[in-house]
PDB file of N, CA and C in Angstrom:
ATOM      1  N   MET A   1      60.783  60.124 120.306  1.00  0.00           N
ATOM      2  CA  MET A   1      60.413  60.997 121.396  1.00  0.00           C
ATOM      3  C   MET A   1      59.976  60.131 122.583  1.00  0.00           C
ATOM      4  N   VAL A   2      60.505  60.434 123.744  1.00  0.00           N
ATOM      5  CA  VAL A   2      60.169  59.696 124.954  1.00  0.00           C
ATOM      6  C   VAL A   2      59.051  60.436 125.680  1.00  0.00           C
ATOM      7  N   ALA A   3      58.000  59.714 126.029  1.00  0.00           N
ATOM      8  CA  ALA A   3      56.879  60.332 126.758  1.00  0.00           C
ATOM      9  C   ALA A   3      57.302  60.591 128.192  1.00  0.00           C
ATOM     10  N   ARG A   4      56.991  61.766 128.683  1.00  0.00           N
ATOM     11  CA  ARG A   4      57.323  62.127 130.057  1.00  0.00           C
ATOM     12  C   ARG A   4      56.177  61.712 130.972  1.00  0.00           C
ATOM     13  N   ALA A   5      56.532  61.088 132.076  1.00  0.00           N
ATOM     14  CA  ALA A   5      55.510  60.701 133.056  1.00  0.00           C
ATOM     15  C   ALA A   5      54.882  61.958 133.634  1.00  0.00           C
ATOM     16  N   ASN A   6      53.630  61.866 134.007  1.00  0.00           N
ATOM     17  CA  ASN A   6      52.924  63.006 134.571  1.00  0.00           C
ATOM     18  C   ASN A   6      53.142  63.035 136.085  1.00  0.00           C
ATOM     19  N   PHE A   7      54.250  63.624 136.499  1.00  0.00           N
ATOM     20  CA  PHE A   7      54.537  63.748 137.914  1.00  0.00           C
ATOM     21  C   PHE A   7      55.123  65.123 138.185  1.00  0.00           C
ATOM     22  N   PHE A   8      55.121  65.509 139.435  1.00  0.00           N
ATOM     23  CA  PHE A   8      55.629  66.816 139.831  1.00  0.00           C
ATOM     24  C   PHE A   8      56.779  66.643 140.801  1.00  0.00           C
ATOM     25  N   THR A   9      57.754  67.512 140.679  1.00  0.00           N
ATOM     26  CA  THR A   9      58.910  67.473 141.564  1.00  0.00           C
ATOM     27  C   THR A   9      58.663  68.348 142.790  1.00  0.00           C
ATOM     28  N   ARG A  10      59.526  68.247 143.749  1.00  0.00           N
ATOM     29  CA  ARG A  10      59.458  69.101 144.933  1.00  0.00           C
ATOM     30  C   ARG A  10      59.532  70.567 144.503  1.00  0.00           C
ATOM     31  N   GLU A  11      60.392  70.860 143.531  1.00  0.00           N
ATOM     32  CA  GLU A  11      60.526  72.234 143.032  1.00  0.00           C
ATOM     33  C   GLU A  11      59.216  72.716 142.408  1.00  0.00           C
ATOM     34  N   ASP A  12      58.531  71.839 141.658  1.00  0.00           N
ATOM     35  CA  ASP A  12      57.230  72.201 141.077  1.00  0.00           C
ATOM     36  C   ASP A  12      56.222  72.526 142.178  1.00  0.00           C
ATOM     37  N   ASP A  13      56.214  71.695 143.227  1.00  0.00           N
ATOM     38  CA  ASP A  13      55.296  71.914 144.350  1.00  0.00           C
ATOM     39  C   ASP A  13      55.573  73.252 145.023  1.00  0.00           C
ATOM     40  N   GLU A  14      56.852  73.531 145.260  1.00  0.00           N
ATOM     41  CA  GLU A  14      57.214  74.783 145.926  1.00  0.00           C
ATOM     42  C   GLU A  14      56.865  76.000 145.066  1.00  0.00           C
ATOM     43  N   THR A  15      57.054  75.874 143.765  1.00  0.00           N
ATOM     44  CA  THR A  15      56.704  76.977 142.864  1.00  0.00           C
ATOM     45  C   THR A  15      55.203  77.236 142.903  1.00  0.00           C
ATOM     46  N   LEU A  16      54.403  76.180 142.886  1.00  0.00           N
ATOM     47  CA  LEU A  16      52.951  76.351 142.957  1.00  0.00           C
ATOM     48  C   LEU A  16      52.539  76.963 144.290  1.00  0.00           C
ATOM     49  N   LEU A  17      53.157  76.533 145.371  1.00  0.00           N
ATOM     50  CA  LEU A  17      52.851  77.122 146.680  1.00  0.00           C
ATOM     51  C   LEU A  17      53.216  78.608 146.716  1.00  0.00           C
ATOM     52  N   GLU A  18      54.311  78.969 146.086  1.00  0.00           N
ATOM     53  CA  GLU A  18      54.699  80.386 146.008  1.00  0.00           C
ATOM     54  C   GLU A  18      53.664  81.180 145.219  1.00  0.00           C
ATOM     55  N   MET A  19      53.187  80.610 144.103  1.00  0.00           N
ATOM     56  CA  MET A  19      52.157  81.278 143.301  1.00  0.00           C
ATOM     57  C   MET A  19      50.890  81.499 144.124  1.00  0.00           C
ATOM     58  N   LEU A  20      50.453  80.440 144.810  1.00  0.00           N
ATOM     59  CA  LEU A  20      49.223  80.537 145.611  1.00  0.00           C
ATOM     60  C   LEU A  20      49.387  81.538 146.755  1.00  0.00           C
ATOM     61  N   ASP A  21      50.539  81.546 147.393  1.00  0.00           N
ATOM     62  CA  ASP A  21      50.795  82.483 148.485  1.00  0.00           C
ATOM     63  C   ASP A  21      50.737  83.925 147.994  1.00  0.00           C
ATOM     64  N   ARG A  22      51.366  84.178 146.869  1.00  0.00           N
ATOM     65  CA  ARG A  22      51.377  85.540 146.337  1.00  0.00           C
ATOM     66  C   ARG A  22      49.973  85.990 145.927  1.00  0.00           C
ATOM     67  N   ARG A  23      49.186  85.087 145.370  1.00  0.00           N
ATOM     68  CA  ARG A  23      47.823  85.455 144.974  1.00  0.00           C
ATOM     69  C   ARG A  23      46.902  85.587 146.183  1.00  0.00           C
ATOM     70  N   ASP A  24      46.878  84.551 147.039  1.00  0.00           N
ATOM     71  CA  ASP A  24      45.894  84.489 148.119  1.00  0.00           C
ATOM     72  C   ASP A  24      46.254  85.339 149.334  1.00  0.00           C
ATOM     73  N   ARG A  25      47.503  85.413 149.687  1.00  0.00           N
ATOM     74  CA  ARG A  25      47.888  86.168 150.880  1.00  0.00           C
ATOM     75  C   ARG A  25      48.370  87.569 150.574  1.00  0.00           C
ATOM     76  N   CYS A  26      49.021  87.736 149.425  1.00  0.00           N
ATOM     77  CA  CYS A  26      49.586  89.043 149.076  1.00  0.00           C
ATOM     78  C   CYS A  26      48.718  89.827 148.097  1.00  0.00           C
ATOM     79  N   GLY A  27      47.765  89.146 147.443  1.00  0.00           N
ATOM     80  CA  GLY A  27      46.886  89.814 146.492  1.00  0.00           C
ATOM     81  C   GLY A  27      47.573  90.204 145.195  1.00  0.00           C
ATOM     82  N   MET A  28      48.664  89.519 144.858  1.00  0.00           N
ATOM     83  CA  MET A  28      49.405  89.843 143.639  1.00  0.00           C
ATOM     84  C   MET A  28      48.700  89.290 142.403  1.00  0.00           C
ATOM     85  N   SER A  29      48.868  89.992 141.305  1.00  0.00           N
ATOM     86  CA  SER A  29      48.309  89.535 140.030  1.00  0.00           C
ATOM     87  C   SER A  29      49.206  88.440 139.457  1.00  0.00           C
ATOM     88  N   ALA A  30      48.693  87.753 138.441  1.00  0.00           N
ATOM     89  CA  ALA A  30      49.484  86.720 137.763  1.00  0.00           C
ATOM     90  C   ALA A  30      50.712  87.343 137.110  1.00  0.00           C
ATOM     91  N   LEU A  31      50.563  88.536 136.572  1.00  0.00           N
ATOM     92  CA  LEU A  31      51.686  89.217 135.926  1.00  0.00           C
ATOM     93  C   LEU A  31      52.784  89.538 136.939  1.00  0.00           C
ATOM     94  N   ALA A  32      52.391  90.107 138.080  1.00  0.00           N
ATOM     95  CA  ALA A  32      53.376  90.445 139.111  1.00  0.00           C
ATOM     96  C   ALA A  32      54.041  89.189 139.672  1.00  0.00           C
ATOM     97  N   THR A  33      53.250  88.139 139.862  1.00  0.00           N
ATOM     98  CA  THR A  33      53.786  86.867 140.362  1.00  0.00           C
ATOM     99  C   THR A  33      54.778  86.290 139.361  1.00  0.00           C
ATOM    100  N   ALA A  34      54.416  86.300 138.093  1.00  0.00           N
ATOM    101  CA  ALA A  34      55.299  85.769 137.050  1.00  0.00           C
ATOM    102  C   ALA A  34      56.615  86.530 137.017  1.00  0.00           C
ATOM    103  N   ARG A  35      56.549  87.840 137.082  1.00  0.00           N
ATOM    104  CA  ARG A  35      57.781  88.641 137.073  1.00  0.00           C
ATOM    105  C   ARG A  35      58.650  88.338 138.280  1.00  0.00           C
ATOM    106  N   GLU A  36      58.032  88.248 139.444  1.00  0.00           N
ATOM    107  CA  GLU A  36      58.782  88.013 140.671  1.00  0.00           C
ATOM    108  C   GLU A  36      59.426  86.625 140.707  1.00  0.00           C
ATOM    109  N   LEU A  37      58.740  85.626 140.160  1.00  0.00           N
ATOM    110  CA  LEU A  37      59.254  84.259 140.185  1.00  0.00           C
ATOM    111  C   LEU A  37      60.046  83.888 138.933  1.00  0.00           C
ATOM    112  N   GLY A  38      60.094  84.800 137.955  1.00  0.00           N
ATOM    113  CA  GLY A  38      60.827  84.525 136.727  1.00  0.00           C
ATOM    114  C   GLY A  38      60.142  83.505 135.836  1.00  0.00           C
ATOM    115  N   LEU A  39      58.810  83.538 135.819  1.00  0.00           N
ATOM    116  CA  LEU A  39      58.010  82.605 135.027  1.00  0.00           C
ATOM    117  C   LEU A  39      57.215  83.372 133.990  1.00  0.00           C
ATOM    118  N   THR A  40      56.584  82.635 133.082  1.00  0.00           N
ATOM    119  CA  THR A  40      55.692  83.295 132.129  1.00  0.00           C
ATOM    120  C   THR A  40      54.326  83.505 132.800  1.00  0.00           C
ATOM    121  N   THR A  41      53.624  84.510 132.326  1.00  0.00           N
ATOM    122  CA  THR A  41      52.283  84.771 132.846  1.00  0.00           C
ATOM    123  C   THR A  41      51.365  83.592 132.533  1.00  0.00           C
ATOM    124  N   GLY A  42      51.561  82.966 131.380  1.00  0.00           N
ATOM    125  CA  GLY A  42      50.759  81.802 131.007  1.00  0.00           C
ATOM    126  C   GLY A  42      50.928  80.643 131.975  1.00  0.00           C
ATOM    127  N   ARG A  43      52.161  80.410 132.404  1.00  0.00           N
ATOM    128  CA  ARG A  43      52.383  79.312 133.359  1.00  0.00           C
ATOM    129  C   ARG A  43      51.681  79.606 134.685  1.00  0.00           C
ATOM    130  N   VAL A  44      51.810  80.844 135.154  1.00  0.00           N
ATOM    131  CA  VAL A  44      51.172  81.204 136.424  1.00  0.00           C
ATOM    132  C   VAL A  44      49.656  81.122 136.287  1.00  0.00           C
ATOM    133  N   SER A  45      49.105  81.735 135.256  1.00  0.00           N
ATOM    134  CA  SER A  45      47.647  81.724 135.063  1.00  0.00           C
ATOM    135  C   SER A  45      47.115  80.305 134.899  1.00  0.00           C
ATOM    136  N   GLY A  46      47.789  79.503 134.098  1.00  0.00           N
ATOM    137  CA  GLY A  46      47.351  78.123 133.871  1.00  0.00           C
ATOM    138  C   GLY A  46      47.401  77.287 135.134  1.00  0.00           C
ATOM    139  N   SER A  47      48.484  77.423 135.887  1.00  0.00           N
ATOM    140  CA  SER A  47      48.623  76.657 137.134  1.00  0.00           C
ATOM    141  C   SER A  47      47.543  77.033 138.131  1.00  0.00           C
ATOM    142  N   LEU A  48      47.321  78.329 138.303  1.00  0.00           N
ATOM    143  CA  LEU A  48      46.310  78.777 139.259  1.00  0.00           C
ATOM    144  C   LEU A  48      44.909  78.377 138.801  1.00  0.00           C
ATOM    145  N   HIS A  49      44.666  78.403 137.495  1.00  0.00           N
ATOM    146  CA  HIS A  49      43.367  77.980 136.961  1.00  0.00           C
ATOM    147  C   HIS A  49      43.117  76.496 137.271  1.00  0.00           C
ATOM    148  N   ARG A  50      44.135  75.666 137.079  1.00  0.00           N
ATOM    149  CA  ARG A  50      43.975  74.237 137.360  1.00  0.00           C
ATOM    150  C   ARG A  50      43.689  73.990 138.836  1.00  0.00           C
ATOM    151  N   VAL A  51      44.341  74.736 139.719  1.00  0.00           N
ATOM    152  CA  VAL A  51      44.075  74.603 141.158  1.00  0.00           C
ATOM    153  C   VAL A  51      42.643  75.039 141.468  1.00  0.00           C
ATOM    154  N   ASP A  52      42.244  76.181 140.930  1.00  0.00           N
ATOM    155  CA  ASP A  52      40.879  76.680 141.167  1.00  0.00           C
ATOM    156  C   ASP A  52      39.828  75.696 140.666  1.00  0.00           C
ATOM    157  N   ARG A  53      40.060  75.119 139.484  1.00  0.00           N
ATOM    158  CA  ARG A  53      39.113  74.162 138.915  1.00  0.00           C
ATOM    159  C   ARG A  53      39.015  72.910 139.789  1.00  0.00           C
ATOM    160  N   ALA A  54      40.154  72.402 140.246  1.00  0.00           N
ATOM    161  CA  ALA A  54      40.156  71.206 141.097  1.00  0.00           C
ATOM    162  C   ALA A  54      39.462  71.485 142.429  1.00  0.00           C
ATOM    163  N   GLU A  55      39.700  72.663 143.005  1.00  0.00           N
ATOM    164  CA  GLU A  55      39.036  73.012 144.266  1.00  0.00           C
ATOM    165  C   GLU A  55      37.527  73.128 144.077  1.00  0.00           C
ATOM    166  N   ALA A  56      37.101  73.712 142.961  1.00  0.00           N
ATOM    167  CA  ALA A  56      35.665  73.853 142.690  1.00  0.00           C
ATOM    168  C   ALA A  56      35.004  72.487 142.504  1.00  0.00           C
ATOM    169  N   GLN A  57      35.682  71.590 141.790  1.00  0.00           N
ATOM    170  CA  GLN A  57      35.139  70.238 141.595  1.00  0.00           C
ATOM    171  C   GLN A  57      35.035  69.499 142.925  1.00  0.00           C
ATOM    172  N   PHE A  58      36.029  69.655 143.782  1.00  0.00           N
ATOM    173  CA  PHE A  58      36.001  69.010 145.084  1.00  0.00           C
ATOM    174  C   PHE A  58      34.868  69.576 145.941  1.00  0.00           C
ATOM    175  N   ALA A  59      34.695  70.896 145.921  1.00  0.00           N
ATOM    176  CA  ALA A  59      33.613  71.527 146.685  1.00  0.00           C
ATOM    177  C   ALA A  59      32.247  71.057 146.195  1.00  0.00           C
ATOM    178  N   GLU A  60      32.084  70.913 144.885  1.00  0.00           N
ATOM    179  CA  GLU A  60      30.820  70.419 144.329  1.00  0.00           C
ATOM    180  C   GLU A  60      30.557  68.979 144.761  1.00  0.00           C
ATOM    181  N   ALA A  61      31.591  68.156 144.746  1.00  0.00           N
ATOM    182  CA  ALA A  61      31.437  66.760 145.172  1.00  0.00           C
ATOM    183  C   ALA A  61      31.067  66.685 146.646  1.00  0.00           C
ATOM    184  N   CYS A  62      31.669  67.543 147.466  1.00  0.00           N
ATOM    185  CA  CYS A  62      31.346  67.568 148.898  1.00  0.00           C
ATOM    186  C   CYS A  62      29.900  68.012 149.119  1.00  0.00           C
ATOM    187  N   ALA A  63      29.480  69.016 148.373  1.00  0.00           N
ATOM    188  CA  ALA A  63      28.107  69.497 148.502  1.00  0.00           C
ATOM    189  C   ALA A  63      27.118  68.411 148.089  1.00  0.00           C
ATOM    190  N   ALA A  64      27.427  67.700 147.024  1.00  0.00           N
ATOM    191  CA  ALA A  64      26.545  66.622 146.563  1.00  0.00           C
ATOM    192  C   ALA A  64      26.461  65.500 147.599  1.00  0.00           C
ATOM    193  N   ALA A  65      27.548  65.269 148.308  1.00  0.00           N
ATOM    194  CA  ALA A  65      27.579  64.218 149.337  1.00  0.00           C
ATOM    195  C   ALA A  65      27.150  64.750 150.710  1.00  0.00           C
ATOM    196  N   GLN A  66      26.791  66.019 150.747  1.00  0.00           N
ATOM    197  CA  GLN A  66      26.365  66.691 151.990  1.00  0.00           C
ATOM    198  C   GLN A  66      27.404  66.536 153.094  1.00  0.00           C
ATOM    199  N   ARG A  67      28.650  66.863 152.749  1.00  0.00           N
ATOM    200  CA  ARG A  67      29.704  66.840 153.754  1.00  0.00           C
ATOM    201  C   ARG A  67      30.520  68.115 153.642  1.00  0.00           C
ATOM    202  N   SER A  68      31.244  68.412 154.704  1.00  0.00           N
ATOM    203  CA  SER A  68      32.075  69.610 154.755  1.00  0.00           C
ATOM    204  C   SER A  68      33.227  69.490 153.765  1.00  0.00           C
ATOM    205  N   VAL A  69      33.657  70.624 153.227  1.00  0.00           N
ATOM    206  CA  VAL A  69      34.801  70.626 152.315  1.00  0.00           C
ATOM    207  C   VAL A  69      36.062  70.224 153.073  1.00  0.00           C
ATOM    208  N   CYS A  70      36.190  70.678 154.302  1.00  0.00           N
ATOM    209  CA  CYS A  70      37.355  70.325 155.110  1.00  0.00           C
ATOM    210  C   CYS A  70      37.042  69.050 155.887  1.00  0.00           C
ATOM    211  N   VAL A  71      37.824  68.028 155.620  1.00  0.00           N
ATOM    212  CA  VAL A  71      37.624  66.745 156.305  1.00  0.00           C
ATOM    213  C   VAL A  71      38.798  66.445 157.241  1.00  0.00           C
ATOM    214  N   CYS A  72      39.503  67.498 157.649  1.00  0.00           N
ATOM    215  CA  CYS A  72      40.663  67.330 158.526  1.00  0.00           C
ATOM    216  C   CYS A  72      40.234  66.866 159.912  1.00  0.00           C
ATOM    217  N   ALA A  73      41.004  65.959 160.473  1.00  0.00           N
ATOM    218  CA  ALA A  73      40.724  65.468 161.822  1.00  0.00           C
ATOM    219  C   ALA A  73      41.125  66.501 162.865  1.00  0.00           C
ATOM    220  N   LYS A  74      42.127  67.317 162.570  1.00  0.00           N
ATOM    221  CA  LYS A  74      42.615  68.325 163.508  1.00  0.00           C
ATOM    222  C   LYS A  74      42.349  69.711 162.943  1.00  0.00           C
ATOM    223  N   ALA A  75      41.859  70.605 163.768  1.00  0.00           N
ATOM    224  CA  ALA A  75      41.545  71.967 163.323  1.00  0.00           C
ATOM    225  C   ALA A  75      42.775  72.683 162.768  1.00  0.00           C
ATOM    226  N   GLU A  76      43.951  72.405 163.322  1.00  0.00           N
ATOM    227  CA  GLU A  76      45.164  73.093 162.865  1.00  0.00           C
ATOM    228  C   GLU A  76      45.578  72.676 161.452  1.00  0.00           C
ATOM    229  N   ASN A  77      44.971  71.622 160.929  1.00  0.00           N
ATOM    230  CA  ASN A  77      45.283  71.188 159.571  1.00  0.00           C
ATOM    231  C   ASN A  77      44.357  71.786 158.512  1.00  0.00           C
ATOM    232  N   CYS A  78      43.327  72.498 158.931  1.00  0.00           N
ATOM    233  CA  CYS A  78      42.399  73.120 157.989  1.00  0.00           C
ATOM    234  C   CYS A  78      43.078  74.292 157.275  1.00  0.00           C
ATOM    235  N   ASP A  79      42.440  74.781 156.219  1.00  0.00           N
ATOM    236  CA  ASP A  79      42.996  75.916 155.478  1.00  0.00           C
ATOM    237  C   ASP A  79      43.338  77.058 156.421  1.00  0.00           C
ATOM    238  N   GLY A  80      44.510  77.616 156.218  1.00  0.00           N
ATOM    239  CA  GLY A  80      44.960  78.729 157.053  1.00  0.00           C
ATOM    240  C   GLY A  80      45.602  78.278 158.340  1.00  0.00           C
ATOM    241  N   GLY A  81      45.717  76.984 158.547  1.00  0.00           N
ATOM    242  CA  GLY A  81      46.276  76.473 159.791  1.00  0.00           C
ATOM    243  C   GLY A  81      47.791  76.473 159.849  1.00  0.00           C
ATOM    244  N   MET A  82      48.425  76.535 158.691  1.00  0.00           N
ATOM    245  CA  MET A  82      49.886  76.525 158.651  1.00  0.00           C
ATOM    246  C   MET A  82      50.408  77.957 158.577  1.00  0.00           C
ATOM    247  N   PRO A  83      51.579  78.222 159.139  1.00  0.00           N
ATOM    248  CA  PRO A  83      52.138  79.563 159.064  1.00  0.00           C
ATOM    249  C   PRO A  83      52.557  79.895 157.634  1.00  0.00           C
ATOM    250  N   ARG A  84      52.597  81.171 157.333  1.00  0.00           N
ATOM    251  CA  ARG A  84      52.991  81.610 155.992  1.00  0.00           C
ATOM    252  C   ARG A  84      54.413  81.110 155.687  1.00  0.00           C
ATOM    253  N   GLY A  85      54.572  80.559 154.492  1.00  0.00           N
ATOM    254  CA  GLY A  85      55.873  80.088 154.046  1.00  0.00           C
ATOM    255  C   GLY A  85      56.335  78.796 154.668  1.00  0.00           C
ATOM    256  N   TRP A  86      55.417  77.993 155.189  1.00  0.00           N
ATOM    257  CA  TRP A  86      55.792  76.762 155.875  1.00  0.00           C
ATOM    258  C   TRP A  86      56.610  75.825 154.996  1.00  0.00           C
ATOM    259  N   TRP A  87      56.421  75.855 153.699  1.00  0.00           N
ATOM    260  CA  TRP A  87      57.130  74.945 152.792  1.00  0.00           C
ATOM    261  C   TRP A  87      58.600  75.332 152.627  1.00  0.00           C
ATOM    262  N   ARG A  88      58.960  76.552 153.013  1.00  0.00           N
ATOM    263  CA  ARG A  88      60.355  76.996 152.895  1.00  0.00           C
ATOM    264  C   ARG A  88      61.200  76.534 154.075  1.00  0.00           C
ATOM    265  N   GLN A  89      60.572  76.092 155.139  1.00  0.00           N
ATOM    266  CA  GLN A  89      61.298  75.752 156.367  1.00  0.00           C
ATOM    267  C   GLN A  89      61.901  74.379 156.333  1.00  0.00           C
TER     268      GLN A  89
END
């Protein structure tokens, strides 16, 4: 058995962005997102959980260091600064 490197493809990135868009902007459930994207509910739930956990850990680290969660140099790069579906363009 060959061990697979832990990396993500462009397609993986786009799929995760689609999941996040459907949850955060459209308010869709994991079940509805999974059906629409042709994925299992477990994959959607697990992926979104990992993102939420990483964001929470980052926010905790920022709070401990007494700094803002957003460290962007330009305001247009902060959360919500990109147009919907920017990764499809």
